[in-house]
Amino acid sequence: MRSTIAAVGRVLVTLGLLILLFVGYQLWGTGFFQARTGPTRR
């Protein structure tokens, strides 16, 4: 029983980290913030 709970917890933590990495990629990897501010002036 205890090992099952530990395994489920490990899976949930891993899924949470993967989701955080995906969100980070979506925000910074795709240049979301730069696209929102519009074109830069020179």
N, C-alpha and C. Protein backbone atom coordinates (compact mmCIF):
# COMPACT_ATOMS: atom_id res chain seq x y z
N MET A 1 0.83 -1.21 0.00
CA MET A 1 0.00 0.00 0.00
C MET A 1 0.86 1.25 0.00
N ARG A 2 1.86 1.25 0.87
CA ARG A 2 2.72 2.43 0.97
C ARG A 2 3.53 2.63 -0.31
N SER A 3 3.97 1.53 -0.92
CA SER A 3 4.76 1.67 -2.16
C SER A 3 3.87 2.16 -3.31
N THR A 4 2.60 1.80 -3.29
CA THR A 4 1.68 2.27 -4.33
C THR A 4 1.48 3.78 -4.21
N ILE A 5 1.30 4.25 -2.98
CA ILE A 5 1.12 5.69 -2.76
C ILE A 5 2.39 6.44 -3.16
N ALA A 6 3.54 5.89 -2.84
CA ALA A 6 4.81 6.52 -3.21
C ALA A 6 4.96 6.58 -4.73
N ALA A 7 4.56 5.52 -5.41
CA ALA A 7 4.66 5.50 -6.88
C ALA A 7 3.72 6.52 -7.50
N VAL A 8 2.50 6.61 -6.99
CA VAL A 8 1.54 7.59 -7.50
C VAL A 8 2.06 9.01 -7.25
N GLY A 9 2.61 9.26 -6.09
CA GLY A 9 3.18 10.57 -5.79
C GLY A 9 4.33 10.92 -6.72
N ARG A 10 5.18 9.95 -6.99
CA ARG A 10 6.31 10.18 -7.89
C ARG A 10 5.82 10.53 -9.29
N VAL A 11 4.79 9.82 -9.76
CA VAL A 11 4.23 10.08 -11.09
C VAL A 11 3.62 11.48 -11.13
N LEU A 12 2.89 11.88 -10.09
CA LEU A 12 2.27 13.20 -10.07
C LEU A 12 3.32 14.31 -10.06
N VAL A 13 4.38 14.13 -9.30
CA VAL A 13 5.45 15.13 -9.28
C VAL A 13 6.10 15.23 -10.65
N THR A 14 6.35 14.10 -11.29
CA THR A 14 6.95 14.10 -12.63
C THR A 14 6.05 14.79 -13.64
N LEU A 15 4.75 14.51 -13.59
CA LEU A 15 3.82 15.17 -14.50
C LEU A 15 3.78 16.68 -14.25
N GLY A 16 3.82 17.08 -12.98
CA GLY A 16 3.83 18.51 -12.66
C GLY A 16 5.06 19.20 -13.21
N LEU A 17 6.21 18.56 -13.09
CA LEU A 17 7.44 19.16 -13.63
C LEU A 17 7.37 19.26 -15.15
N LEU A 18 6.84 18.24 -15.80
CA LEU A 18 6.71 18.29 -17.26
C LEU A 18 5.77 19.42 -17.69
N ILE A 19 4.69 19.61 -16.95
CA ILE A 19 3.76 20.69 -17.28
C ILE A 19 4.43 22.04 -17.09
N LEU A 20 5.20 22.20 -16.02
CA LEU A 20 5.93 23.45 -15.80
C LEU A 20 6.93 23.71 -16.91
N LEU A 21 7.64 22.70 -17.34
CA LEU A 21 8.58 22.86 -18.45
C LEU A 21 7.86 23.25 -19.73
N PHE A 22 6.71 22.66 -19.97
CA PHE A 22 5.94 22.99 -21.17
C PHE A 22 5.45 24.43 -21.13
N VAL A 23 4.96 24.87 -19.98
CA VAL A 23 4.50 26.26 -19.85
C VAL A 23 5.67 27.22 -20.03
N GLY A 24 6.81 26.89 -19.45
CA GLY A 24 7.99 27.73 -19.63
C GLY A 24 8.41 27.83 -21.08
N TYR A 25 8.32 26.72 -21.79
CA TYR A 25 8.64 26.75 -23.22
C TYR A 25 7.63 27.61 -23.97
N GLN A 26 6.38 27.47 -23.65
CA GLN A 26 5.34 28.25 -24.34
C GLN A 26 5.55 29.75 -24.12
N LEU A 27 5.94 30.15 -22.92
CA LEU A 27 6.07 31.57 -22.62
C LEU A 27 7.39 32.14 -23.15
N TRP A 28 8.49 31.47 -22.85
CA TRP A 28 9.80 32.04 -23.20
C TRP A 28 10.39 31.43 -24.47
N GLY A 29 10.13 30.18 -24.73
CA GLY A 29 10.69 29.52 -25.91
C GLY A 29 10.08 30.02 -27.20
N THR A 30 8.83 30.43 -27.15
CA THR A 30 8.18 30.90 -28.36
C THR A 30 8.20 32.42 -28.47
N GLY A 31 8.82 33.11 -27.52
CA GLY A 31 8.90 34.56 -27.56
C GLY A 31 7.57 35.24 -27.31
N PHE A 32 6.76 34.67 -26.43
CA PHE A 32 5.42 35.18 -26.17
C PHE A 32 5.46 36.63 -25.68
N PHE A 33 6.35 36.90 -24.74
CA PHE A 33 6.40 38.25 -24.17
C PHE A 33 6.87 39.27 -25.21
N GLN A 34 7.81 38.89 -26.04
CA GLN A 34 8.30 39.80 -27.06
C GLN A 34 7.22 40.06 -28.11
N ALA A 35 6.46 39.06 -28.46
CA ALA A 35 5.41 39.24 -29.44
C ALA A 35 4.29 40.11 -28.90
N ARG A 36 4.05 40.07 -27.61
CA ARG A 36 3.00 40.87 -27.01
C ARG A 36 3.34 42.35 -26.98
N THR A 37 4.60 42.66 -26.82
CA THR A 37 4.99 44.06 -26.72
C THR A 37 5.04 44.73 -28.08
N GLY A 38 4.97 43.96 -29.15
CA GLY A 38 4.98 44.53 -30.49
C GLY A 38 6.39 44.66 -31.02
N PRO A 39 6.50 45.23 -32.22
CA PRO A 39 7.82 45.37 -32.82
C PRO A 39 8.68 46.38 -32.06
N THR A 40 9.97 46.10 -32.03
CA THR A 40 10.88 47.01 -31.34
C THR A 40 11.30 48.13 -32.28
N ARG A 41 11.48 49.30 -31.71
CA ARG A 41 11.91 50.45 -32.52
C ARG A 41 13.41 50.58 -32.43
N ARG A 42 14.01 51.01 -33.51
CA ARG A 42 15.48 51.18 -33.52
C ARG A 42 15.86 52.61 -33.66
